[in-house]
N, C-alpha and C. Protein backbone atom coordinates (compact mmCIF):
# COMPACT_ATOMS: atom_id res chain seq x y z
N MET A 1 -16.16 8.25 -32.81
CA MET A 1 -16.35 7.11 -31.80
C MET A 1 -15.27 7.80 -30.29
N GLN A 2 -15.77 7.73 -29.16
CA GLN A 2 -14.76 7.85 -28.12
C GLN A 2 -14.38 6.63 -27.87
N ARG A 3 -13.09 6.86 -27.36
CA ARG A 3 -12.11 5.70 -27.02
C ARG A 3 -12.06 5.55 -25.64
N VAL A 4 -12.03 4.71 -25.08
CA VAL A 4 -11.78 4.67 -23.54
C VAL A 4 -10.76 3.70 -23.18
N THR A 5 -9.71 4.12 -22.42
CA THR A 5 -8.79 3.03 -21.80
C THR A 5 -8.94 2.59 -20.42
N TYR A 6 -8.59 1.36 -20.18
CA TYR A 6 -9.05 1.12 -18.94
C TYR A 6 -7.38 0.26 -18.37
N LEU A 7 -7.04 0.77 -16.85
CA LEU A 7 -6.30 -0.26 -16.64
C LEU A 7 -6.41 -0.38 -14.93
N THR A 8 -5.58 -1.12 -14.57
CA THR A 8 -5.39 -1.64 -13.07
C THR A 8 -4.23 -1.24 -12.11
N SER A 9 -4.25 -1.06 -10.99
CA SER A 9 -3.43 -0.65 -10.06
C SER A 9 -3.51 -0.92 -8.66
N PRO A 10 -2.52 -1.23 -7.97
CA PRO A 10 -2.69 -1.38 -6.78
C PRO A 10 -3.10 -0.19 -5.89
N ASP A 11 -3.31 1.09 -6.51
CA ASP A 11 -3.78 1.88 -6.06
C ASP A 11 -5.11 2.27 -5.68
N VAL A 12 -6.03 2.36 -4.84
CA VAL A 12 -7.32 2.45 -4.61
C VAL A 12 -7.87 3.91 -4.45
N ASP A 13 -9.06 4.47 -4.51
CA ASP A 13 -9.55 5.67 -4.12
C ASP A 13 -9.49 5.65 -2.67
N PRO A 14 -8.64 6.63 -2.30
CA PRO A 14 -8.21 6.89 -1.07
C PRO A 14 -9.55 6.26 0.25
N ARG A 15 -10.66 6.86 -0.36
CA ARG A 15 -11.90 6.81 0.53
C ARG A 15 -12.11 5.38 0.66
N LEU A 16 -11.57 4.54 0.06
CA LEU A 16 -11.90 2.97 0.40
C LEU A 16 -10.56 2.40 1.36
N TYR A 17 -9.50 3.24 1.53
CA TYR A 17 -8.58 2.66 2.78
C TYR A 17 -9.29 2.26 4.17
N PRO A 18 -8.93 1.63 4.96
CA PRO A 18 -8.99 1.49 6.17
C PRO A 18 -9.05 2.69 7.21
N PRO A 19 -9.35 2.69 8.61
CA PRO A 19 -9.14 3.90 9.19
C PRO A 19 -7.84 4.38 8.98
N ALA A 20 -6.74 3.64 9.25
CA ALA A 20 -5.46 4.08 9.45
C ALA A 20 -5.35 4.67 8.02
N GLY A 21 -5.43 4.43 7.16
CA GLY A 21 -5.05 4.81 5.96
C GLY A 21 -5.73 6.14 5.48
N GLN A 22 -6.89 6.24 6.10
CA GLN A 22 -7.85 7.53 5.94
C GLN A 22 -6.89 8.40 6.99
N ASP A 23 -6.14 7.98 8.14
CA ASP A 23 -5.56 9.02 8.75
C ASP A 23 -4.35 9.25 8.36
N PHE A 24 -3.64 8.46 7.15
CA PHE A 24 -2.66 8.65 6.50
C PHE A 24 -2.88 9.89 5.56
N VAL A 25 -4.06 9.91 4.89
CA VAL A 25 -4.52 10.65 4.04
C VAL A 25 -4.46 12.20 4.79
N SER A 26 -5.26 12.17 5.81
CA SER A 26 -5.57 13.24 6.49
C SER A 26 -4.59 14.25 7.22
N THR A 27 -3.44 13.29 7.62
CA THR A 27 -2.34 13.64 8.18
C THR A 27 -1.44 14.42 7.02
N TYR A 28 -1.22 13.82 6.15
CA TYR A 28 -0.34 14.43 5.00
C TYR A 28 -0.99 15.61 4.14
N ARG A 29 -2.65 15.56 4.14
CA ARG A 29 -3.09 17.02 3.70
C ARG A 29 -2.74 18.06 4.92
N GLN A 30 -2.87 17.62 6.03
CA GLN A 30 -2.54 18.75 7.11
C GLN A 30 -1.40 19.45 7.21
N LYS A 31 -0.24 18.27 6.51
CA LYS A 31 1.06 18.96 6.72
C LYS A 31 1.51 19.65 5.61
N PHE A 32 0.88 18.70 4.41
CA PHE A 32 1.72 19.47 3.25
C PHE A 32 0.47 20.00 2.27
N GLY A 33 -0.87 20.23 2.66
CA GLY A 33 -1.76 21.19 2.14
C GLY A 33 -2.27 20.70 0.88
N LYS A 34 -2.21 19.24 0.56
CA LYS A 34 -2.72 18.82 -0.66
C LYS A 34 -2.77 17.15 -0.24
N ALA A 35 -3.31 16.65 -1.00
CA ALA A 35 -3.75 15.22 -0.96
C ALA A 35 -2.40 14.49 -1.48
N PRO A 36 -2.07 13.25 -0.87
CA PRO A 36 -0.84 12.72 -1.13
C PRO A 36 -1.09 12.09 -2.67
N GLU A 37 0.12 11.75 -3.29
CA GLU A 37 -0.01 11.09 -4.75
C GLU A 37 -0.36 9.76 -4.28
N PRO A 38 -0.97 8.98 -5.35
CA PRO A 38 -1.29 7.66 -4.93
C PRO A 38 0.11 6.79 -4.46
N GLY A 39 1.02 6.94 -4.94
CA GLY A 39 2.29 6.14 -4.42
C GLY A 39 2.85 6.04 -3.10
N ALA A 40 2.46 7.63 -2.31
CA ALA A 40 2.69 7.88 -1.16
C ALA A 40 2.43 7.12 -0.23
N ILE A 41 1.36 6.47 0.29
CA ILE A 41 0.67 5.38 1.17
C ILE A 41 1.94 4.28 0.94
N PHE A 42 2.13 3.80 -0.22
CA PHE A 42 3.17 2.63 -0.55
C PHE A 42 4.20 2.78 0.00
N GLY A 43 4.97 4.02 -0.18
CA GLY A 43 6.40 4.40 0.34
C GLY A 43 6.31 4.56 1.81
N TYR A 44 5.15 5.00 2.35
CA TYR A 44 4.77 5.39 3.92
C TYR A 44 5.02 3.97 4.34
N GLU A 45 4.12 2.82 3.72
CA GLU A 45 4.08 1.49 4.38
C GLU A 45 5.33 0.62 4.23
N ALA A 46 5.90 0.93 3.14
CA ALA A 46 7.08 0.30 3.19
C ALA A 46 8.23 0.63 4.13
N MET A 47 8.35 2.04 4.38
CA MET A 47 9.24 2.35 5.24
C MET A 47 8.75 1.67 6.56
N LYS A 48 7.52 1.84 7.09
CA LYS A 48 7.15 1.53 8.48
C LYS A 48 7.53 0.06 8.66
N VAL A 49 7.26 -0.81 7.48
CA VAL A 49 7.42 -2.43 7.57
C VAL A 49 9.10 -2.67 7.60
N THR A 50 9.80 -1.89 7.00
CA THR A 50 11.31 -2.03 7.15
C THR A 50 11.85 -1.49 8.50
N LEU A 51 11.39 -0.83 8.93
CA LEU A 51 11.64 -0.59 10.42
C LEU A 51 11.25 -1.30 11.42
N LEU A 52 10.08 -2.08 11.29
CA LEU A 52 9.78 -2.77 12.14
C LEU A 52 10.19 -4.29 11.84
N ALA A 53 10.81 -4.54 10.71
CA ALA A 53 11.84 -5.48 10.64
C ALA A 53 13.03 -5.50 11.47
N ILE A 54 13.65 -4.41 11.06
CA ILE A 54 15.06 -4.18 11.73
C ILE A 54 14.62 -4.05 13.35
N GLN A 55 13.54 -3.52 14.04
CA GLN A 55 13.26 -3.69 15.32
C GLN A 55 13.11 -5.06 15.69
N ASN A 56 12.21 -6.03 14.92
CA ASN A 56 12.17 -7.38 15.28
C ASN A 56 13.40 -8.26 15.05
N ALA A 57 14.39 -7.73 14.46
CA ALA A 57 15.55 -8.27 14.05
C ALA A 57 16.40 -8.28 15.46
N GLY A 58 15.92 -7.32 16.23
CA GLY A 58 16.54 -7.16 17.59
C GLY A 58 18.32 -6.88 17.50
N ASP A 59 19.07 -7.43 18.20
CA ASP A 59 20.44 -6.79 18.24
C ASP A 59 20.98 -7.31 17.37
N ARG A 60 20.15 -7.98 15.98
CA ARG A 60 21.08 -8.39 14.63
C ARG A 60 20.63 -7.46 13.74
N GLY A 61 19.76 -6.40 14.30
CA GLY A 61 19.18 -5.40 13.33
C GLY A 61 19.98 -4.73 12.08
N ASN A 62 21.18 -4.86 12.47
CA ASN A 62 22.31 -4.21 11.36
C ASN A 62 22.73 -5.48 10.72
N ASP A 63 21.89 -6.44 10.59
CA ASP A 63 22.51 -7.89 9.76
C ASP A 63 21.47 -7.64 8.67
N PRO A 64 21.65 -7.60 7.32
CA PRO A 64 20.69 -7.43 6.14
C PRO A 64 20.00 -8.87 6.09
N ALA A 65 20.51 -9.90 6.38
CA ALA A 65 20.21 -11.36 6.32
C ALA A 65 19.07 -11.57 7.32
N ALA A 66 19.40 -10.89 8.17
CA ALA A 66 18.42 -10.98 9.49
C ALA A 66 17.17 -10.24 9.43
N VAL A 67 17.37 -9.15 8.80
CA VAL A 67 16.15 -8.19 8.60
C VAL A 67 15.23 -8.41 7.62
N ILE A 68 15.92 -9.17 6.43
CA ILE A 68 15.10 -9.96 5.48
C ILE A 68 14.40 -10.93 5.99
N ASN A 69 14.96 -12.08 6.75
CA ASN A 69 14.08 -13.11 7.41
C ASN A 69 13.17 -12.33 8.61
N ALA A 70 13.28 -11.26 9.30
CA ALA A 70 12.35 -10.71 9.95
C ALA A 70 11.33 -10.34 9.12
N ILE A 71 11.26 -9.67 7.72
CA ILE A 71 10.22 -9.18 6.89
C ILE A 71 9.23 -10.55 6.41
N PHE A 72 10.08 -11.70 6.20
CA PHE A 72 9.15 -12.72 5.93
C PHE A 72 8.51 -13.33 7.09
N GLN A 73 9.02 -12.87 8.56
CA GLN A 73 8.04 -13.40 9.62
C GLN A 73 6.61 -12.28 9.71
N ILE A 74 6.29 -11.17 9.26
CA ILE A 74 5.45 -10.35 9.33
C ILE A 74 4.17 -11.01 8.83
N LYS A 75 3.00 -10.87 9.78
CA LYS A 75 1.98 -11.89 9.62
C LYS A 75 0.99 -10.90 10.12
N ASP A 76 -0.17 -10.85 9.59
CA ASP A 76 -1.50 -10.08 10.18
C ASP A 76 -1.05 -8.76 10.40
N ARG A 77 -0.15 -7.94 9.38
CA ARG A 77 -0.06 -6.39 9.94
C ARG A 77 -1.18 -5.60 9.49
N ASP A 78 -1.62 -4.77 10.42
CA ASP A 78 -2.50 -3.82 10.15
C ASP A 78 -1.83 -2.60 9.98
N SER A 79 -2.27 -2.36 8.92
CA SER A 79 -1.66 -0.95 8.02
C SER A 79 -2.48 -0.06 7.33
N PRO A 80 -2.01 0.99 6.92
CA PRO A 80 -2.79 1.81 6.42
C PRO A 80 -3.22 1.58 5.19
N LEU A 81 -2.97 0.31 4.41
CA LEU A 81 -3.53 -0.38 3.13
C LEU A 81 -4.55 -1.41 3.56
N GLY A 82 -4.54 -1.79 4.70
CA GLY A 82 -5.05 -2.89 5.22
C GLY A 82 -4.63 -4.09 5.92
N LYS A 83 -4.90 -4.77 6.29
CA LYS A 83 -4.11 -6.18 7.14
C LYS A 83 -3.72 -7.10 6.01
N TYR A 84 -2.36 -7.24 6.20
CA TYR A 84 -1.67 -8.30 5.16
C TYR A 84 -0.47 -8.81 6.01
N SER A 85 0.03 -9.95 5.08
CA SER A 85 1.10 -10.82 5.67
C SER A 85 1.94 -10.52 4.54
N ILE A 86 3.48 -11.10 4.79
CA ILE A 86 4.06 -11.44 3.83
C ILE A 86 4.31 -12.89 3.75
N ASP A 87 4.28 -13.27 2.31
CA ASP A 87 4.15 -14.72 1.88
C ASP A 87 5.62 -15.40 1.53
N GLU A 88 5.88 -16.46 1.34
CA GLU A 88 7.10 -17.13 0.90
C GLU A 88 7.61 -16.64 0.07
N ASN A 89 7.00 -15.98 -1.10
CA ASN A 89 7.92 -15.16 -2.12
C ASN A 89 8.24 -13.89 -1.88
N GLY A 90 7.67 -13.17 -0.61
CA GLY A 90 8.37 -11.77 -0.30
C GLY A 90 7.30 -10.88 -0.64
N ASP A 91 5.88 -11.43 -1.10
CA ASP A 91 4.98 -10.54 -1.60
C ASP A 91 3.71 -10.31 -0.51
N THR A 92 2.82 -9.54 -0.52
CA THR A 92 1.94 -9.05 0.39
C THR A 92 1.00 -9.92 0.15
N THR A 93 -0.09 -10.13 1.04
CA THR A 93 -1.46 -10.90 0.93
C THR A 93 -2.64 -9.76 0.43
N LEU A 94 -1.99 -8.90 0.11
CA LEU A 94 -3.17 -7.36 -0.19
C LEU A 94 -3.57 -7.90 -1.72
N SER A 95 -5.20 -7.76 -1.71
CA SER A 95 -5.95 -8.37 -2.57
C SER A 95 -6.92 -7.27 -3.34
N ASP A 96 -6.28 -6.23 -3.27
CA ASP A 96 -7.43 -5.11 -3.31
C ASP A 96 -6.71 -4.20 -4.71
N TYR A 97 -7.15 -4.04 -5.46
CA TYR A 97 -6.65 -3.26 -6.90
C TYR A 97 -7.86 -1.98 -7.15
N GLY A 98 -7.25 -1.20 -7.80
CA GLY A 98 -8.42 -0.20 -8.37
C GLY A 98 -8.40 -0.36 -9.80
N ALA A 99 -9.46 -0.22 -10.41
CA ALA A 99 -9.91 -0.20 -11.75
C ALA A 99 -10.03 1.18 -12.17
N TYR A 100 -9.46 1.35 -13.06
CA TYR A 100 -9.41 3.03 -13.63
C TYR A 100 -9.48 3.11 -14.95
N ARG A 101 -10.38 4.25 -15.58
CA ARG A 101 -10.57 4.57 -16.87
C ARG A 101 -9.70 5.87 -17.19
N VAL A 102 -9.34 5.87 -18.52
CA VAL A 102 -8.59 7.30 -18.96
C VAL A 102 -9.91 7.62 -20.25
N GLU A 103 -10.56 8.67 -19.86
CA GLU A 103 -11.15 9.27 -20.70
C GLU A 103 -10.86 10.85 -21.01
N ASN A 104 -10.77 11.30 -22.22
CA ASN A 104 -10.23 12.42 -22.73
C ASN A 104 -8.83 12.91 -22.14
N GLY A 105 -8.26 12.07 -21.52
CA GLY A 105 -6.78 12.43 -21.14
C GLY A 105 -6.87 12.39 -19.61
N ASP A 106 -7.87 12.09 -19.06
CA ASP A 106 -8.31 12.08 -17.37
C ASP A 106 -8.26 10.58 -17.06
N LEU A 107 -7.82 10.39 -15.68
CA LEU A 107 -7.60 9.19 -15.13
C LEU A 107 -8.66 9.36 -13.97
N THR A 108 -9.51 8.10 -14.08
CA THR A 108 -10.77 8.22 -12.96
C THR A 108 -10.64 7.09 -12.62
N PHE A 109 -10.83 6.75 -11.23
CA PHE A 109 -11.17 5.70 -10.53
C PHE A 109 -12.52 5.38 -10.92
N ASP A 110 -12.90 3.86 -11.21
CA ASP A 110 -13.85 3.30 -11.65
C ASP A 110 -14.47 2.36 -10.54
N MET A 111 -13.53 1.43 -10.08
CA MET A 111 -13.97 0.48 -9.13
C MET A 111 -12.91 -0.35 -8.64
N LEU A 112 -13.21 -0.69 -7.48
CA LEU A 112 -12.73 -1.72 -6.45
C LEU A 112 -12.47 -2.96 -7.13
N LEU A 113 -11.25 -3.68 -7.49
CA LEU A 113 -11.50 -5.19 -7.73
C LEU A 113 -10.65 -6.12 -6.57
N LYS A 114 -11.31 -6.96 -6.25
CA LYS A 114 -11.14 -7.81 -5.22
C LYS A 114 -10.36 -9.33 -5.76
N THR A 115 -8.96 -9.63 -5.55
CA THR A 115 -8.66 -10.93 -6.23
C THR A 115 -8.76 -11.91 -5.13
N ASP A 116 -8.49 -13.03 -5.43
CA ASP A 116 -8.43 -14.18 -4.33
C ASP A 116 -6.86 -13.92 -3.81
N ALA A 117 -6.99 -13.94 -2.52
CA ALA A 117 -5.80 -13.74 -1.91
C ALA A 117 -5.02 -15.10 -1.53
């Protein structure tokens, strides 16, 4: 009997990202000669949104509380991951997840899961 393990992750098949995500993958591949690791796009967006919050905090950009407040004000941001907002808990409103299966030691994207946002 062959056993199959299933798991979910916020990572999705790179072909399913919006145009900005496709650009990220393409630019990364051109610069580094290989596809990015799945988490790379999340690190990229985390830095982009942090820099945006610092910018939006204006002359208080060096005040951690002001920057945190600016993060909570982010609404309908178009990003490589798709459009999202930051909710009152500090979570994004992104609702897509990847469903993967592990067969014979290989991780394979299976399908896109959409949750209620």
